[in-house]
PDB file of all heavy atoms in Angstrom:
ATOM      1  N   PRO A   1      17.203  15.615 -20.977  1.00  0.00           N
ATOM      2  CA  PRO A   1      15.882  15.538 -20.393  1.00  0.00           C
ATOM      3  C   PRO A   1      16.051  16.498 -19.185  1.00  0.00           C
ATOM      4  O   PRO A   1      16.988  16.518 -18.323  1.00  0.00           O
ATOM      5  CB  PRO A   1      15.512  14.188 -20.022  1.00  0.00           C
ATOM      6  CG  PRO A   1      16.969  13.494 -19.917  1.00  0.00           C
ATOM      7  CD  PRO A   1      17.972  14.232 -20.822  1.00  0.00           C
ATOM      8  N   SER A   2      14.840  17.216 -18.822  1.00  0.00           N
ATOM      9  CA  SER A   2      14.770  17.852 -17.618  1.00  0.00           C
ATOM     10  C   SER A   2      14.617  16.945 -16.375  1.00  0.00           C
ATOM     11  O   SER A   2      14.998  17.277 -15.288  1.00  0.00           O
ATOM     12  CB  SER A   2      13.553  18.814 -17.678  1.00  0.00           C
ATOM     13  OG  SER A   2      12.318  18.031 -17.870  1.00  0.00           O
ATOM     14  N   CYS A   3      14.086  15.759 -16.631  1.00  0.00           N
ATOM     15  CA  CYS A   3      13.868  14.746 -15.653  1.00  0.00           C
ATOM     16  C   CYS A   3      13.979  13.326 -16.262  1.00  0.00           C
ATOM     17  O   CYS A   3      13.314  13.183 -17.361  1.00  0.00           O
ATOM     18  CB  CYS A   3      12.498  14.903 -14.943  1.00  0.00           C
ATOM     19  SG  CYS A   3      12.116  13.632 -13.838  1.00  0.00           S
ATOM     20  N   PHE A   4      14.809  12.521 -15.775  1.00  0.00           N
ATOM     21  CA  PHE A   4      15.146  11.192 -16.424  1.00  0.00           C
ATOM     22  C   PHE A   4      14.621  10.189 -15.481  1.00  0.00           C
ATOM     23  O   PHE A   4      15.305   9.695 -14.523  1.00  0.00           O
ATOM     24  CB  PHE A   4      16.516  11.061 -16.782  1.00  0.00           C
ATOM     25  CG  PHE A   4      17.004   9.987 -17.645  1.00  0.00           C
ATOM     26  CD1 PHE A   4      18.164   9.710 -18.080  1.00  0.00           C
ATOM     27  CD2 PHE A   4      15.871   9.089 -18.310  1.00  0.00           C
ATOM     28  CE1 PHE A   4      18.597   8.733 -19.074  1.00  0.00           C
ATOM     29  CE2 PHE A   4      16.287   8.164 -19.245  1.00  0.00           C
ATOM     30  CZ  PHE A   4      17.560   8.064 -19.617  1.00  0.00           C
ATOM     31  N   ILE A   5      13.387   9.649 -15.696  1.00  0.00           N
ATOM     32  CA  ILE A   5      12.705   8.558 -14.854  1.00  0.00           C
ATOM     33  C   ILE A   5      13.087   7.309 -15.442  1.00  0.00           C
ATOM     34  O   ILE A   5      12.698   7.066 -16.637  1.00  0.00           O
ATOM     35  CB  ILE A   5      11.198   8.870 -14.740  1.00  0.00           C
ATOM     36  CG1 ILE A   5      10.925  10.222 -14.176  1.00  0.00           C
ATOM     37  CG2 ILE A   5      10.607   7.649 -13.863  1.00  0.00           C
ATOM     38  CD1 ILE A   5       9.429  10.548 -14.117  1.00  0.00           C
ATOM     39  N   ILE A   6      13.764   6.369 -14.791  1.00  0.00           N
ATOM     40  CA  ILE A   6      14.149   5.179 -15.332  1.00  0.00           C
ATOM     41  C   ILE A   6      13.638   3.929 -14.533  1.00  0.00           C
ATOM     42  O   ILE A   6      13.659   3.921 -13.221  1.00  0.00           O
ATOM     43  CB  ILE A   6      15.729   5.032 -15.284  1.00  0.00           C
ATOM     44  CG1 ILE A   6      16.352   6.250 -15.905  1.00  0.00           C
ATOM     45  CG2 ILE A   6      16.274   3.740 -15.808  1.00  0.00           C
ATOM     46  CD1 ILE A   6      17.778   6.321 -15.633  1.00  0.00           C
ATOM     47  N   GLN A   7      12.924   2.962 -15.298  1.00  0.00           N
ATOM     48  CA  GLN A   7      12.529   1.812 -14.573  1.00  0.00           C
ATOM     49  C   GLN A   7      13.511   0.619 -14.650  1.00  0.00           C
ATOM     50  O   GLN A   7      13.913   0.365 -15.755  1.00  0.00           O
ATOM     51  CB  GLN A   7      11.106   1.366 -15.218  1.00  0.00           C
ATOM     52  CG  GLN A   7      10.020   2.413 -15.012  1.00  0.00           C
ATOM     53  CD  GLN A   7       8.757   1.763 -15.713  1.00  0.00           C
ATOM     54  OE1 GLN A   7       8.231   0.802 -15.359  1.00  0.00           O
ATOM     55  NE2 GLN A   7       8.208   2.593 -16.735  1.00  0.00           N
ATOM     56  N   MET A   8      13.806   0.178 -13.528  1.00  0.00           N
ATOM     57  CA  MET A   8      14.726  -1.007 -13.509  1.00  0.00           C
ATOM     58  C   MET A   8      14.113  -2.306 -14.122  1.00  0.00           C
ATOM     59  O   MET A   8      12.989  -2.397 -14.215  1.00  0.00           O
ATOM     60  CB  MET A   8      15.118  -1.284 -12.098  1.00  0.00           C
ATOM     61  CG  MET A   8      15.804  -0.141 -11.234  1.00  0.00           C
ATOM     62  SD  MET A   8      17.314   0.460 -12.153  1.00  0.00           S
ATOM     63  CE  MET A   8      16.906   2.004 -12.887  1.00  0.00           C
ATOM     64  N   PRO A   9      14.965  -3.182 -14.707  1.00  0.00           N
ATOM     65  CA  PRO A   9      14.523  -4.393 -15.237  1.00  0.00           C
ATOM     66  C   PRO A   9      13.802  -5.164 -14.195  1.00  0.00           C
ATOM     67  O   PRO A   9      14.290  -5.375 -13.037  1.00  0.00           O
ATOM     68  CB  PRO A   9      15.748  -5.115 -15.742  1.00  0.00           C
ATOM     69  CG  PRO A   9      16.892  -4.469 -15.000  1.00  0.00           C
ATOM     70  CD  PRO A   9      16.492  -3.045 -14.841  1.00  0.00           C
ATOM     71  N   ARG A  10      12.682  -5.838 -14.492  1.00  0.00           N
ATOM     72  CA  ARG A  10      11.913  -6.631 -13.663  1.00  0.00           C
ATOM     73  C   ARG A  10      11.112  -7.653 -14.427  1.00  0.00           C
ATOM     74  O   ARG A  10      10.730  -7.461 -15.419  1.00  0.00           O
ATOM     75  CB  ARG A  10      10.966  -5.760 -12.753  1.00  0.00           C
ATOM     76  CG  ARG A  10      10.021  -4.923 -13.613  1.00  0.00           C
ATOM     77  CD  ARG A  10       9.289  -3.815 -12.824  1.00  0.00           C
ATOM     78  NE  ARG A  10       8.731  -2.919 -13.793  1.00  0.00           N
ATOM     79  CZ  ARG A  10       7.551  -3.092 -14.501  1.00  0.00           C
ATOM     80  NH1 ARG A  10       6.967  -4.271 -14.375  1.00  0.00           N
ATOM     81  NH2 ARG A  10       7.136  -2.294 -15.318  1.00  0.00           N
ATOM     82  N   PHE A  11      10.841  -8.833 -13.647  1.00  0.00           N
ATOM     83  CA  PHE A  11      10.338  -9.939 -14.290  1.00  0.00           C
ATOM     84  C   PHE A  11       9.240 -10.589 -13.479  1.00  0.00           C
ATOM     85  O   PHE A  11       9.148 -11.763 -13.440  1.00  0.00           O
ATOM     86  CB  PHE A  11      11.182 -10.994 -14.790  1.00  0.00           C
ATOM     87  CG  PHE A  11      12.128 -10.365 -15.919  1.00  0.00           C
ATOM     88  CD1 PHE A  11      13.297  -9.682 -15.740  1.00  0.00           C
ATOM     89  CD2 PHE A  11      11.735 -10.418 -17.274  1.00  0.00           C
ATOM     90  CE1 PHE A  11      14.015  -9.141 -16.722  1.00  0.00           C
ATOM     91  CE2 PHE A  11      12.383  -9.997 -18.319  1.00  0.00           C
ATOM     92  CZ  PHE A  11      13.633  -9.370 -18.068  1.00  0.00           C
ATOM     93  N   GLY A  12       8.462  -9.765 -12.843  1.00  0.00           N
ATOM     94  CA  GLY A  12       7.402 -10.339 -11.844  1.00  0.00           C
ATOM     95  C   GLY A  12       7.953 -11.100 -10.644  1.00  0.00           C
ATOM     96  O   GLY A  12       9.082 -10.837 -10.119  1.00  0.00           O
ATOM     97  N   LYS A  13       7.159 -11.898  -9.945  1.00  0.00           N
ATOM     98  CA  LYS A  13       7.517 -12.452  -8.662  1.00  0.00           C
ATOM     99  C   LYS A  13       8.418 -13.611  -8.773  1.00  0.00           C
ATOM    100  O   LYS A  13       9.185 -14.042  -7.881  1.00  0.00           O
ATOM    101  CB  LYS A  13       6.254 -12.841  -7.936  1.00  0.00           C
ATOM    102  CG  LYS A  13       5.229 -11.761  -7.633  1.00  0.00           C
ATOM    103  CD  LYS A  13       4.011 -12.277  -6.997  1.00  0.00           C
ATOM    104  CE  LYS A  13       3.012 -11.130  -6.757  1.00  0.00           C
ATOM    105  NZ  LYS A  13       1.822 -11.621  -6.247  1.00  0.00           N
ATOM    106  N   GLU A  14       8.422 -14.357  -9.944  1.00  0.00           N
ATOM    107  CA  GLU A  14       9.039 -15.536 -10.179  1.00  0.00           C
ATOM    108  C   GLU A  14      10.670 -15.417 -10.351  1.00  0.00           C
ATOM    109  O   GLU A  14      11.418 -16.189 -10.056  1.00  0.00           O
ATOM    110  CB  GLU A  14       8.435 -16.471 -11.193  1.00  0.00           C
ATOM    111  CG  GLU A  14       7.025 -16.838 -10.895  1.00  0.00           C
ATOM    112  CD  GLU A  14       6.705 -17.505  -9.570  1.00  0.00           C
ATOM    113  OE1 GLU A  14       7.641 -18.316  -9.237  1.00  0.00           O
ATOM    114  OE2 GLU A  14       5.798 -17.111  -8.811  1.00  0.00           O
ATOM    115  N   TYR A  15      10.875 -14.406 -11.160  1.00  0.00           N
ATOM    116  CA  TYR A  15      12.297 -14.313 -11.697  1.00  0.00           C
ATOM    117  C   TYR A  15      12.784 -12.831 -11.573  1.00  0.00           C
ATOM    118  O   TYR A  15      12.152 -11.964 -12.184  1.00  0.00           O
ATOM    119  CB  TYR A  15      12.418 -14.874 -13.117  1.00  0.00           C
ATOM    120  CG  TYR A  15      13.748 -14.549 -13.755  1.00  0.00           C
ATOM    121  CD1 TYR A  15      14.951 -15.294 -13.363  1.00  0.00           C
ATOM    122  CD2 TYR A  15      13.905 -13.621 -14.758  1.00  0.00           C
ATOM    123  CE1 TYR A  15      16.164 -15.105 -13.888  1.00  0.00           C
ATOM    124  CE2 TYR A  15      15.111 -13.327 -15.301  1.00  0.00           C
ATOM    125  CZ  TYR A  15      16.294 -14.120 -14.804  1.00  0.00           C
ATOM    126  OH  TYR A  15      17.595 -13.885 -15.371  1.00  0.00           O
ATOM    127  N   LYS A  16      13.883 -12.673 -11.021  1.00  0.00           N
ATOM    128  CA  LYS A  16      14.506 -11.323 -11.010  1.00  0.00           C
ATOM    129  C   LYS A  16      15.832 -11.393 -11.645  1.00  0.00           C
ATOM    130  O   LYS A  16      16.709 -12.284 -11.491  1.00  0.00           O
ATOM    131  CB  LYS A  16      14.718 -10.818  -9.524  1.00  0.00           C
ATOM    132  CG  LYS A  16      13.547 -10.722  -8.766  1.00  0.00           C
ATOM    133  CD  LYS A  16      12.717  -9.501  -9.210  1.00  0.00           C
ATOM    134  CE  LYS A  16      11.613  -9.217  -8.289  1.00  0.00           C
ATOM    135  NZ  LYS A  16      10.567 -10.155  -8.255  1.00  0.00           N
ATOM    136  N   MET A  17      16.100 -10.570 -12.684  1.00  0.00           N
ATOM    137  CA  MET A  17      17.363 -10.542 -13.466  1.00  0.00           C
ATOM    138  C   MET A  17      18.449 -10.257 -12.598  1.00  0.00           C
ATOM    139  O   MET A  17      19.596 -10.901 -12.668  1.00  0.00           O
ATOM    140  CB  MET A  17      17.270  -9.553 -14.665  1.00  0.00           C
ATOM    141  CG  MET A  17      18.595  -9.632 -15.464  1.00  0.00           C
ATOM    142  SD  MET A  17      18.469  -8.552 -16.991  1.00  0.00           S
ATOM    143  CE  MET A  17      17.558  -9.501 -18.069  1.00  0.00           C
ATOM    144  N   PHE A  18      18.373  -9.307 -11.555  1.00  0.00           N
ATOM    145  CA  PHE A  18      19.398  -8.990 -10.718  1.00  0.00           C
ATOM    146  C   PHE A  18      18.834  -8.992  -9.310  1.00  0.00           C
ATOM    147  O   PHE A  18      17.820  -8.503  -9.055  1.00  0.00           O
ATOM    148  CB  PHE A  18      20.121  -7.668 -10.943  1.00  0.00           C
ATOM    149  CG  PHE A  18      20.646  -7.499 -12.285  1.00  0.00           C
ATOM    150  CD1 PHE A  18      19.888  -6.760 -13.358  1.00  0.00           C
ATOM    151  CD2 PHE A  18      21.814  -8.174 -12.787  1.00  0.00           C
ATOM    152  CE1 PHE A  18      20.382  -6.571 -14.603  1.00  0.00           C
ATOM    153  CE2 PHE A  18      22.212  -7.967 -14.056  1.00  0.00           C
ATOM    154  CZ  PHE A  18      21.517  -7.321 -14.941  1.00  0.00           C
ATOM    155  N   SER A  19      19.650  -9.556  -8.307  1.00  0.00           N
ATOM    156  CA  SER A  19      19.052  -9.636  -7.009  1.00  0.00           C
ATOM    157  C   SER A  19      19.294  -8.232  -6.323  1.00  0.00           C
ATOM    158  O   SER A  19      18.472  -7.765  -5.393  1.00  0.00           O
ATOM    159  CB  SER A  19      19.863 -10.659  -6.130  1.00  0.00           C
ATOM    160  OG  SER A  19      21.317 -10.339  -6.248  1.00  0.00           O
ATOM    161  N   LYS A  20      20.275  -7.475  -6.792  1.00  0.00           N
ATOM    162  CA  LYS A  20      20.432  -6.072  -6.159  1.00  0.00           C
ATOM    163  C   LYS A  20      20.961  -5.187  -7.414  1.00  0.00           C
ATOM    164  O   LYS A  20      21.549  -5.637  -8.354  1.00  0.00           O
ATOM    165  CB  LYS A  20      21.479  -6.054  -5.165  1.00  0.00           C
ATOM    166  CG  LYS A  20      21.132  -6.912  -3.915  1.00  0.00           C
ATOM    167  CD  LYS A  20      22.358  -6.797  -2.924  1.00  0.00           C
ATOM    168  CE  LYS A  20      21.989  -7.628  -1.637  1.00  0.00           C
ATOM    169  NZ  LYS A  20      21.970  -9.046  -1.913  1.00  0.00           N
ATOM    170  N   ILE A  21      20.519  -3.924  -7.321  1.00  0.00           N
ATOM    171  CA  ILE A  21      21.059  -2.822  -8.227  1.00  0.00           C
ATOM    172  C   ILE A  21      21.583  -1.711  -7.481  1.00  0.00           C
ATOM    173  O   ILE A  21      20.896  -1.237  -6.586  1.00  0.00           O
ATOM    174  CB  ILE A  21      20.054  -2.527  -9.300  1.00  0.00           C
ATOM    175  CG1 ILE A  21      19.530  -3.620 -10.116  1.00  0.00           C
ATOM    176  CG2 ILE A  21      20.489  -1.282 -10.101  1.00  0.00           C
ATOM    177  CD1 ILE A  21      18.319  -3.359 -11.046  1.00  0.00           C
ATOM    178  N   ILE A  22      22.724  -1.347  -7.765  1.00  0.00           N
ATOM    179  CA  ILE A  22      23.343  -0.116  -6.996  1.00  0.00           C
ATOM    180  C   ILE A  22      22.797   1.158  -7.614  1.00  0.00           C
ATOM    181  O   ILE A  22      23.004   1.348  -8.753  1.00  0.00           O
ATOM    182  CB  ILE A  22      24.884  -0.280  -7.004  1.00  0.00           C
ATOM    183  CG1 ILE A  22      25.379  -1.586  -6.331  1.00  0.00           C
ATOM    184  CG2 ILE A  22      25.561   0.946  -6.302  1.00  0.00           C
ATOM    185  CD1 ILE A  22      26.810  -1.873  -6.517  1.00  0.00           C
ATOM    186  N   PRO A  23      22.295   2.028  -6.829  1.00  0.00           N
ATOM    187  CA  PRO A  23      21.845   3.289  -7.473  1.00  0.00           C
ATOM    188  C   PRO A  23      23.074   4.198  -7.739  1.00  0.00           C
ATOM    189  O   PRO A  23      24.098   4.326  -6.983  1.00  0.00           O
ATOM    190  CB  PRO A  23      21.109   4.015  -6.211  1.00  0.00           C
ATOM    191  CG  PRO A  23      20.714   2.842  -5.292  1.00  0.00           C
ATOM    192  CD  PRO A  23      21.879   1.838  -5.412  1.00  0.00           C
ATOM    193  N   SER A  24      23.041   4.651  -8.973  1.00  0.00           N
ATOM    194  CA  SER A  24      24.100   5.629  -9.380  1.00  0.00           C
ATOM    195  C   SER A  24      23.718   7.138  -9.012  1.00  0.00           C
ATOM    196  O   SER A  24      22.649   7.547  -9.496  1.00  0.00           O
ATOM    197  CB  SER A  24      24.282   5.682 -10.829  1.00  0.00           C
ATOM    198  OG  SER A  24      24.815   4.335 -11.264  1.00  0.00           O
ATOM    199  N   LEU A  25      24.445   7.662  -8.088  1.00  0.00           N
ATOM    200  CA  LEU A  25      24.021   8.967  -7.519  1.00  0.00           C
ATOM    201  C   LEU A  25      24.071  10.161  -8.591  1.00  0.00           C
ATOM    202  O   LEU A  25      23.429  11.129  -8.539  1.00  0.00           O
ATOM    203  CB  LEU A  25      24.774   9.323  -6.419  1.00  0.00           C
ATOM    204  CG  LEU A  25      24.726   8.370  -5.185  1.00  0.00           C
ATOM    205  CD1 LEU A  25      25.432   8.914  -3.942  1.00  0.00           C
ATOM    206  CD2 LEU A  25      23.229   8.095  -4.859  1.00  0.00           C
ATOM    207  N   GLU A  26      24.884   9.837  -9.650  1.00  0.00           N
ATOM    208  CA  GLU A  26      24.965  10.704 -10.712  1.00  0.00           C
ATOM    209  C   GLU A  26      24.939   9.971 -11.981  1.00  0.00           C
ATOM    210  O   GLU A  26      25.447   8.743 -12.038  1.00  0.00           O
ATOM    211  CB  GLU A  26      26.345  11.693 -10.737  1.00  0.00           C
ATOM    212  CG  GLU A  26      26.285  12.712  -9.682  1.00  0.00           C
ATOM    213  CD  GLU A  26      27.651  13.536  -9.779  1.00  0.00           C
ATOM    214  OE1 GLU A  26      28.338  13.211 -10.508  1.00  0.00           O
ATOM    215  OE2 GLU A  26      27.658  14.592  -9.030  1.00  0.00           O
ATOM    216  N   LEU A  27      24.366  10.377 -13.054  1.00  0.00           N
ATOM    217  CA  LEU A  27      24.153   9.623 -14.471  1.00  0.00           C
ATOM    218  C   LEU A  27      24.953  10.456 -15.392  1.00  0.00           C
ATOM    219  O   LEU A  27      24.530  11.545 -15.740  1.00  0.00           O
ATOM    220  CB  LEU A  27      22.694   9.427 -14.646  1.00  0.00           C
ATOM    221  CG  LEU A  27      22.364   8.325 -15.666  1.00  0.00           C
ATOM    222  CD1 LEU A  27      22.921   6.872 -15.089  1.00  0.00           C
ATOM    223  CD2 LEU A  27      20.843   8.289 -15.874  1.00  0.00           C
TER     224      LEU A  27
END
């Protein structure tokens, strides 16, 4: 892809699958 837009996993206000996600500077 010319641009890879990725949405992190999220589950609203009540539950978060991960408290933190480390950004990968390269994919």
